[in-house]
């Protein structure tokens, strides 16, 4: 006699990348209302398939854990979900047929299929202080987003500004407001209110920032990014547990003239969350909330999704306290939908005219000394492009939008995208 296994979805993880889903600078997918803008959302999602962008695979013992708990991983167009074999609960709802042990966590690697394109279109640091991978988890200590509400973005708050050099595109939090660097910021003397260097993120949509780059191996190189004119000669690396107690004695290192990186070895500590605090003999200082784990760290990955039980915040839970799968207020089994919201990169678009022509000035653009039409503020890179028009002899002339090509950081601290034009109807 055969028997039937009933699988129930335990959780879902949706991936939302602004480069592939936003319509230029005008329409943000994460702003679209699921009801009022249902048709627009459906159109964008019909053209989006995570499977074309990423390999998603279980890490470490996760594959064995899924099999042992009679669970299944399914990868679809929008991300992935995990189902688990369940039985009816006597009090209503569903309970696992094989109950996961306490502190069970499942890890899934995100590996870009085209790493070059992914790195170009994702807003992330080109030269980070640590080679950390993005780590999204419902079990991250110190979760401080408030009571989580749907949709459940797994990104944590942006990092506070620290005493170091900031690169174009970086996001910081100061005074409860998020700011993005429009160009490299070489000194702490440049306040976030300086609109030539910083722009206010008026609407926070829960996108990932450098604070989410947390996964590191126990041995790695730390790269210094001191402010302009600052040259540290010594460095101290303190590794602390999240309760503030030392995890091991501090590492005191001497920096040779011009030295930009040091090797740090924390192999004496077990896999866990820590705060890495770097101080020097100057004002340069940084703090990184890190998860050290050699087994999970793979430099070919972009990030890792880690979902487990119990969750740091009840709003991120998978199960009810009595062991039933998560339920809504009406007592209906309702699996959580976690989201990874990934911001797209912004660059200064620069149009190079055909040698026989001179481009006219246009709203939002100015002409430089080489007769190039340059955006006055960074513009979002999206696969859909963003309308740019100039005045032509027979009316407006549409200019192309940059594609996911090589980025051009220049000495003025800006990142450019160059477009070479043919002969236009001017």
Protein backbone atom coordinates (compact mmCIF):
# COMPACT_ATOMS: atom_id res chain seq x y z
CA UNK A 1 0.00 0.00 0.00
CA UNK A 2 1.38 3.39 -0.93
CA UNK A 3 1.12 6.54 1.09
CA UNK A 4 0.98 10.19 0.24
CA UNK A 5 3.34 12.87 1.56
CA UNK A 6 1.86 16.34 1.92
CA UNK A 7 4.38 19.13 1.46
CA UNK A 8 3.66 22.62 2.78
CA UNK A 9 5.69 25.67 1.92
CA UNK A 10 7.84 26.63 4.92
CA UNK A 11 9.22 29.92 3.58
CA UNK A 12 9.93 31.75 0.35
CA UNK A 13 12.82 34.02 -0.59
CA UNK A 14 12.17 36.58 -3.34
CA UNK A 15 14.98 38.38 -5.14
CA UNK A 16 14.35 41.97 -6.26
CA UNK A 17 17.23 43.54 -8.21
CA UNK A 18 16.62 47.16 -9.20
CA UNK A 19 18.69 46.91 -12.40
CA UNK A 20 16.37 44.26 -13.83
CA UNK A 21 13.06 45.50 -12.39
CA UNK A 22 13.12 49.31 -12.18
CA UNK A 23 12.09 51.44 -15.15
CA UNK A 24 14.94 53.95 -15.14
CA UNK A 25 14.80 56.63 -12.47
CA UNK A 26 11.03 57.00 -12.76
CA UNK A 27 9.42 53.70 -11.74
CA UNK A 28 10.72 51.71 -8.77
CA UNK A 29 9.42 48.17 -8.66
CA UNK A 30 9.45 48.14 -4.87
CA UNK A 31 7.12 51.17 -4.87
CA UNK A 32 4.46 49.50 -7.02
CA UNK A 33 1.34 48.58 -5.07
CA UNK A 34 0.50 44.85 -5.49
CA UNK A 35 -3.18 45.73 -6.09
CA UNK A 36 -3.27 49.15 -7.72
CA UNK A 37 -0.23 48.43 -9.91
CA UNK A 38 -0.82 44.71 -10.41
CA UNK A 39 -0.58 44.92 -14.22
CA UNK A 40 2.73 46.84 -14.15
CA UNK A 41 4.22 44.43 -11.62
CA UNK A 42 3.11 41.42 -13.65
CA UNK A 43 4.67 42.89 -16.82
CA UNK A 44 8.03 43.48 -15.12
CA UNK A 45 8.06 40.07 -13.45
CA UNK A 46 7.20 38.34 -16.74
CA UNK A 47 10.53 39.59 -18.11
CA UNK A 48 12.49 38.62 -14.98
CA UNK A 49 13.93 35.20 -14.22
CA UNK A 50 16.33 34.68 -11.33
CA UNK A 51 17.47 31.41 -12.89
CA UNK A 52 19.09 33.37 -15.72
CA UNK A 53 21.06 35.46 -13.23
CA UNK A 54 22.06 33.18 -10.38
CA UNK A 55 22.91 29.64 -9.44
CA UNK A 56 21.20 28.93 -6.11
CA UNK A 57 22.47 25.90 -4.22
CA UNK A 58 22.47 24.58 -0.64
CA UNK A 59 25.72 25.00 1.29
CA UNK A 60 27.57 22.79 3.74
CA UNK A 61 25.30 20.31 5.55
CA UNK A 62 22.12 22.02 4.27
CA UNK A 63 21.48 19.44 1.52
CA UNK A 64 21.64 16.62 4.08
CA UNK A 65 19.46 18.57 6.49
CA UNK A 66 16.81 19.14 3.83
CA UNK A 67 16.73 15.44 3.01
CA UNK A 68 16.70 14.44 6.68
CA UNK A 69 13.76 16.70 7.46
CA UNK A 70 11.87 15.65 4.30
CA UNK A 71 12.17 19.11 2.79
CA UNK A 72 12.45 20.26 -0.81
CA UNK A 73 14.19 23.24 -2.39
CA UNK A 74 12.45 24.71 -5.45
CA UNK A 75 13.99 27.47 -7.55
CA UNK A 76 11.57 29.55 -9.63
CA UNK A 77 11.52 32.78 -11.64
CA UNK A 78 11.42 35.06 -8.61
CA UNK A 79 13.74 33.27 -6.22
CA UNK A 80 13.32 30.05 -4.31
CA UNK A 81 11.17 28.39 -1.70
CA UNK A 82 11.46 25.44 0.66
CA UNK A 83 8.67 22.97 1.34
CA UNK A 84 8.47 20.54 4.22
CA UNK A 85 6.49 17.33 4.74
CA UNK A 86 3.66 18.06 7.18
CA UNK A 87 0.77 16.49 9.04
CA UNK A 88 -2.43 18.11 10.31
CA UNK A 89 -2.10 19.61 13.80
CA UNK A 90 -4.78 18.64 16.32
CA UNK A 91 -5.34 22.35 17.07
CA UNK A 92 -5.51 23.34 13.39
CA UNK A 93 -2.82 24.20 10.92
CA UNK A 94 0.17 22.00 9.99
CA UNK A 95 3.09 20.54 11.88
CA UNK A 96 6.30 19.09 10.39
CA UNK A 97 6.31 15.34 9.89
CA UNK A 98 9.95 15.48 11.02
CA UNK A 99 10.49 18.34 13.42
CA UNK A 100 13.73 20.28 12.86
CA UNK A 101 16.02 20.27 15.85
CA UNK A 102 16.50 23.51 17.80
CA UNK A 103 18.86 26.06 16.20
CA UNK A 104 18.58 24.45 12.76
CA UNK A 105 19.71 26.79 9.97
CA UNK A 106 19.65 26.27 6.21
CA UNK A 107 22.18 28.09 4.02
CA UNK A 108 21.86 28.83 0.29
CA UNK A 109 24.62 30.28 -1.90
CA UNK A 110 23.91 32.90 -4.57
CA UNK A 111 26.42 32.55 -7.43
CA UNK A 112 26.11 35.00 -10.38
CA UNK A 113 26.08 33.36 -13.79
CA UNK A 114 27.74 36.44 -15.29
CA UNK A 115 29.87 37.88 -12.51
CA UNK A 116 31.09 40.82 -14.59
CA UNK A 117 27.60 42.08 -15.40
CA UNK A 118 26.33 41.43 -11.89
CA UNK A 119 29.16 43.41 -10.30
CA UNK A 120 28.77 46.29 -12.76
CA UNK A 121 25.03 46.77 -12.28
CA UNK A 122 24.90 46.17 -8.51
CA UNK A 123 25.57 49.13 -6.22
CA UNK A 124 28.43 47.79 -4.15
CA UNK A 125 31.91 48.94 -3.23
CA UNK A 126 34.61 48.30 -5.82
CA UNK A 127 37.35 48.21 -3.17
CA UNK A 128 35.84 47.13 0.17
CA UNK A 129 37.83 47.04 3.41
CA UNK A 130 37.13 43.32 3.83
CA UNK A 131 36.35 40.63 1.20
CA UNK A 132 33.00 39.91 2.82
CA UNK A 133 30.06 38.29 1.06
CA UNK A 134 26.50 39.48 1.52
CA UNK A 135 24.79 37.50 4.26
CA UNK A 136 21.01 37.69 4.64
CA UNK A 137 19.53 35.96 7.65
CA UNK A 138 16.46 35.89 9.86
CA UNK A 139 18.80 34.99 12.73
CA UNK A 140 21.19 37.93 12.63
CA UNK A 141 21.91 39.23 16.15
CA UNK A 142 21.01 42.80 16.97
CA UNK A 143 18.17 42.92 14.47
CA UNK A 144 16.96 46.50 14.73
CA UNK A 145 14.53 47.16 11.92
CA UNK A 146 11.59 47.38 14.30
CA UNK A 147 8.59 45.10 14.06
CA UNK A 148 8.98 43.43 10.64
CA UNK A 149 6.00 43.79 8.34
CA UNK A 150 5.34 42.37 4.89
CA UNK A 151 7.30 42.42 2.70
CA UNK A 152 10.05 41.07 4.92
CA UNK A 153 13.27 42.60 3.61
CA UNK A 154 16.25 40.79 5.12
CA UNK A 155 18.53 43.83 4.72
CA UNK A 156 19.64 45.47 7.96
CA UNK A 157 19.87 49.25 8.49
CA UNK A 158 22.60 51.10 6.60
CA UNK A 159 25.89 51.53 8.49
CA UNK A 160 26.67 54.71 10.40
CA UNK A 161 29.34 56.95 8.89
CA UNK A 162 32.85 56.18 10.13
CA UNK A 163 36.26 57.87 9.90
CA UNK A 164 37.45 56.66 6.52
CA UNK A 165 37.42 57.42 2.79
CA UNK A 166 34.03 56.78 1.14
CA UNK A 167 33.62 55.67 -2.46
CA UNK A 168 30.95 56.84 -4.89
CA UNK A 169 27.69 54.95 -4.37
CA UNK A 170 28.21 54.06 -0.70
CA UNK A 171 25.24 54.51 1.62
CA UNK A 172 25.53 55.71 5.21
CA UNK A 173 23.09 56.49 7.98
CA UNK A 174 23.37 59.67 10.01
CA UNK A 175 20.78 61.26 12.25
CA UNK A 176 18.13 58.77 11.13
CA UNK A 177 18.58 59.67 7.43
CA UNK A 178 20.24 57.65 4.68
CA UNK A 179 22.71 59.37 2.38
CA UNK A 180 24.42 58.08 -0.76
CA UNK A 181 27.84 59.31 -1.86
CA UNK A 182 27.52 60.94 -5.30
CA UNK A 183 31.29 60.80 -5.71
CA UNK A 184 34.29 59.78 -3.62
CA UNK A 185 34.34 61.53 -0.23
CA UNK A 186 37.95 61.92 0.82
CA UNK A 187 37.56 63.48 4.25
CA UNK A 188 35.26 63.45 7.25
CA UNK A 189 35.31 67.25 7.04
CA UNK A 190 32.81 66.95 4.16
CA UNK A 191 29.41 66.84 5.92
CA UNK A 192 26.53 64.75 4.61
CA UNK A 193 24.71 68.04 4.02
CA UNK A 194 27.19 68.92 1.24
CA UNK A 195 25.04 68.27 -1.82
CA UNK A 196 28.08 68.21 -4.11
CA UNK A 197 29.14 64.95 -2.44
CA UNK A 198 26.10 63.42 -0.74
CA UNK A 199 22.50 62.88 -1.78
CA UNK A 200 19.57 62.16 0.55
CA UNK A 201 17.73 58.89 0.02
CA UNK A 202 14.30 60.40 0.51
CA UNK A 203 12.50 57.05 0.32
CA UNK A 204 14.11 54.00 1.87
CA UNK A 205 12.96 50.81 0.16
CA UNK A 206 14.91 48.26 2.22
CA UNK A 207 17.74 47.71 -0.28
CA UNK A 208 20.95 46.02 0.85
CA UNK A 209 23.96 48.12 1.84
CA UNK A 210 27.51 47.52 2.98
CA UNK A 211 26.11 46.56 6.40
CA UNK A 212 24.87 43.33 4.80
CA UNK A 213 28.37 42.32 3.68
CA UNK A 214 29.14 40.21 6.72
CA UNK A 215 30.32 36.69 5.79
CA UNK A 216 34.09 36.22 6.08
CA UNK A 217 36.57 33.37 6.43
CA UNK A 218 38.70 33.28 9.59
CA UNK A 219 41.78 34.42 7.62
CA UNK A 220 41.55 37.39 5.26
CA UNK A 221 43.22 40.64 4.22
CA UNK A 222 41.98 43.94 5.60
CA UNK A 223 42.44 46.92 3.27
CA UNK A 224 42.76 50.39 4.73
CA UNK A 225 40.93 53.31 3.12
CA UNK A 226 42.16 56.29 5.14
CA UNK A 227 40.99 59.82 4.53
CA UNK A 228 42.97 62.02 2.18
CA UNK A 229 46.30 63.06 3.72
CA UNK A 230 46.09 60.48 6.54
CA UNK A 231 48.83 57.81 6.75
CA UNK A 232 48.45 55.34 9.64
CA UNK A 233 51.64 53.66 10.82
CA UNK A 234 50.09 51.12 13.19
CA UNK A 235 46.85 49.17 13.35
CA UNK A 236 44.99 47.29 16.08
CA UNK A 237 42.33 44.70 15.24
CA UNK A 238 39.97 43.84 18.07
CA UNK A 239 37.56 40.95 17.62
CA UNK A 240 34.67 41.15 20.05
CA UNK A 241 31.65 38.99 20.65
CA UNK A 242 28.33 40.70 20.04
CA UNK A 243 27.95 41.25 23.81
CA UNK A 244 31.10 43.39 23.75
CA UNK A 245 33.47 40.91 25.40
CA UNK A 246 36.84 40.14 23.73
CA UNK A 247 36.87 36.98 21.60
CA UNK A 248 40.69 36.84 21.56
CA UNK A 249 43.63 39.13 22.32
CA UNK A 250 43.92 42.13 19.98
CA UNK A 251 46.20 41.95 16.93
CA UNK A 252 48.72 44.82 16.93
CA UNK A 253 50.39 45.41 13.58
CA UNK A 254 52.94 47.89 12.24
CA UNK A 255 52.24 49.42 8.85
CA UNK A 256 55.14 49.97 6.49
CA UNK A 257 55.11 53.28 4.56
CA UNK A 258 52.52 53.11 1.81
CA UNK A 259 51.17 49.76 3.02
CA UNK A 260 47.45 49.44 2.26
CA UNK A 261 46.51 46.01 3.61
CA UNK A 262 47.27 43.62 6.46
CA UNK A 263 46.55 39.93 6.93
CA UNK A 264 44.28 39.06 9.85
CA UNK A 265 44.07 35.58 11.35
CA UNK A 266 41.11 34.71 13.57
CA UNK A 267 41.29 30.95 13.11
CA UNK A 268 41.42 30.49 16.89
CA UNK A 269 37.76 31.43 17.33
CA UNK A 270 34.71 29.27 16.46
CA UNK A 271 32.24 30.17 13.69
CA UNK A 272 29.98 32.90 15.02
CA UNK A 273 28.99 36.56 14.84
CA UNK A 274 31.59 39.10 15.94
CA UNK A 275 32.36 42.81 15.79
CA UNK A 276 35.68 43.57 14.12
CA UNK A 277 36.96 46.93 15.36
CA UNK A 278 39.91 48.46 13.54
CA UNK A 279 41.75 51.40 15.10
CA UNK A 280 44.99 53.12 14.11
CA UNK A 281 47.33 55.77 15.45
CA UNK A 282 45.24 58.29 13.47
CA UNK A 283 41.53 59.14 13.52
CA UNK A 284 40.93 56.33 11.01
CA UNK A 285 38.63 53.70 12.53
CA UNK A 286 36.08 51.18 11.29
CA UNK A 287 33.70 48.65 12.84
CA UNK A 288 32.34 45.64 10.93
CA UNK A 289 29.64 43.24 12.17
CA UNK A 290 30.96 39.96 10.73
CA UNK A 291 30.00 36.30 10.58
CA UNK A 292 33.17 34.19 10.49
CA UNK A 293 32.61 30.80 8.88
CA UNK A 294 35.13 28.99 6.69
CA UNK A 295 32.64 26.33 5.63
CA UNK A 296 30.13 28.82 4.19
CA UNK A 297 32.60 31.25 2.65
CA UNK A 298 33.14 30.79 -1.10
CA UNK A 299 34.81 33.70 -2.94
CA UNK A 300 32.94 32.80 -6.13
CA UNK A 301 29.61 33.54 -4.40
CA UNK A 302 28.04 36.97 -4.20
CA UNK A 303 26.08 36.17 -1.09
CA UNK A 304 24.40 33.63 1.17
CA UNK A 305 20.82 33.37 2.42
CA UNK A 306 20.58 31.85 5.87
CA UNK A 307 17.13 30.94 7.21
CA UNK A 308 16.56 29.07 10.44
CA UNK A 309 14.85 28.77 13.74
CA UNK A 310 14.39 30.35 16.13
CA UNK A 311 14.37 33.74 14.40
CA UNK A 312 15.94 36.80 16.02
CA UNK A 313 12.61 38.64 15.79
CA UNK A 314 9.20 36.92 16.04
CA UNK A 315 8.18 38.73 12.86
CA UNK A 316 10.76 36.65 10.99
CA UNK A 317 9.71 33.29 12.46
CA UNK A 318 9.04 30.08 10.55
CA UNK A 319 7.08 28.31 13.31
CA UNK A 320 4.65 29.16 16.06
CA UNK A 321 5.76 28.57 19.68
CA UNK A 322 3.82 25.28 19.76
CA UNK A 323 5.67 23.93 16.69
CA UNK A 324 3.02 24.57 14.03
CA UNK A 325 4.03 26.24 10.78
CA UNK A 326 3.64 29.99 10.89
CA UNK A 327 0.06 31.26 10.92
CA UNK A 328 -1.60 34.60 10.30
CA UNK A 329 -4.00 36.33 12.66
CA UNK A 330 -6.92 34.25 11.34
CA UNK A 331 -5.21 30.95 12.14
CA UNK A 332 -4.33 30.14 8.52
CA UNK A 333 -0.96 28.57 7.72
CA UNK A 334 0.95 31.43 6.06
CA UNK A 335 4.62 30.94 5.18
CA UNK A 336 6.81 34.06 5.42
CA UNK A 337 8.07 35.66 2.22
CA UNK A 338 11.54 37.10 2.73
CA UNK A 339 12.94 39.57 0.23
CA UNK A 340 16.46 40.39 -0.93
CA UNK A 341 16.28 43.93 -2.28
CA UNK A 342 19.41 44.68 -4.29
CA UNK A 343 20.14 48.26 -5.43
CA UNK A 344 21.38 49.09 -8.91
CA UNK A 345 24.49 51.15 -9.56
CA UNK A 346 24.30 54.83 -10.49
CA UNK A 347 26.84 56.55 -12.72
CA UNK A 348 27.39 59.88 -14.43
CA UNK A 349 26.27 59.37 -18.02
CA UNK A 350 28.61 61.03 -20.50
CA UNK A 351 27.80 61.39 -24.20
CA UNK A 352 30.68 61.78 -26.64
CA UNK A 353 29.57 63.53 -29.84
CA UNK A 354 30.55 62.49 -33.35
CA UNK A 355 33.67 64.50 -34.39
CA UNK A 356 31.58 66.47 -36.91
CA UNK A 357 28.98 67.63 -34.39
CA UNK A 358 28.55 69.68 -31.23
CA UNK A 359 25.92 68.60 -28.74
CA UNK A 360 23.49 71.18 -27.33
CA UNK A 361 23.06 71.63 -23.59
CA UNK A 362 20.08 69.78 -22.15
CA UNK A 363 18.11 69.64 -18.89
CA UNK A 364 20.05 67.61 -16.34
CA UNK A 365 23.24 67.71 -18.44
CA UNK A 366 26.08 70.15 -19.05
CA UNK A 367 28.89 70.42 -21.60
CA UNK A 368 32.45 69.87 -20.42
CA UNK A 369 35.62 71.32 -21.92
CA UNK A 370 35.86 68.39 -24.34
CA UNK A 371 32.36 69.04 -25.69
CA UNK A 372 30.93 65.99 -23.96
CA UNK A 373 27.39 66.05 -22.59
CA UNK A 374 27.68 65.03 -18.93
CA UNK A 375 24.89 64.33 -16.44
CA UNK A 376 24.87 66.79 -13.56
CA UNK A 377 23.85 64.00 -11.13
CA UNK A 378 24.33 60.23 -11.21
CA UNK A 379 21.64 58.29 -13.07
CA UNK A 380 20.49 54.74 -12.45
CA UNK A 381 21.65 51.92 -14.69
CA UNK A 382 18.75 49.68 -15.69
CA UNK A 383 18.26 47.17 -18.46
CA UNK A 384 15.26 49.23 -19.60
CA UNK A 385 17.25 52.44 -19.89
CA UNK A 386 16.04 55.91 -18.97
CA UNK A 387 14.80 58.55 -21.46
CA UNK A 388 17.31 61.25 -22.43
CA UNK A 389 16.39 63.75 -25.11
CA UNK A 390 18.16 66.74 -26.66
CA UNK A 391 16.93 69.35 -29.11
CA UNK A 392 17.38 68.41 -32.78
CA UNK A 393 16.71 70.07 -36.11
CA UNK A 394 13.41 68.23 -36.54
CA UNK A 395 12.38 67.96 -32.90
CA UNK A 396 13.63 66.02 -29.86
CA UNK A 397 16.41 63.49 -30.45
CA UNK A 398 16.48 60.43 -28.16
CA UNK A 399 19.89 59.38 -26.85
CA UNK A 400 20.71 55.78 -25.88
CA UNK A 401 21.17 54.63 -22.29
CA UNK A 402 24.32 52.90 -21.01
CA UNK A 403 24.45 49.13 -20.89
CA UNK A 404 26.18 46.91 -18.33
CA UNK A 405 29.69 47.67 -19.52
CA UNK A 406 32.95 48.66 -17.89
CA UNK A 407 32.62 51.45 -15.34
CA UNK A 408 34.95 54.42 -15.54
CA UNK A 409 36.06 55.78 -12.13
CA UNK A 410 38.02 58.99 -12.66
CA UNK A 411 40.23 61.32 -10.67
CA UNK A 412 37.36 63.66 -9.80
CA UNK A 413 35.85 60.87 -7.65
CA UNK A 414 32.95 60.16 -9.98
CA UNK A 415 32.07 56.95 -11.81
CA UNK A 416 31.17 57.50 -15.46
CA UNK A 417 29.44 55.57 -18.22
CA UNK A 418 30.58 56.77 -21.66
CA UNK A 419 28.42 56.54 -24.77
CA UNK A 420 29.90 57.33 -28.21
CA UNK A 421 27.30 58.75 -30.58
CA UNK A 422 26.98 58.58 -34.34
CA UNK A 423 25.78 61.46 -36.48
CA UNK A 424 22.53 62.88 -35.05
CA UNK A 425 19.82 64.98 -36.65
CA UNK A 426 20.93 68.23 -35.02
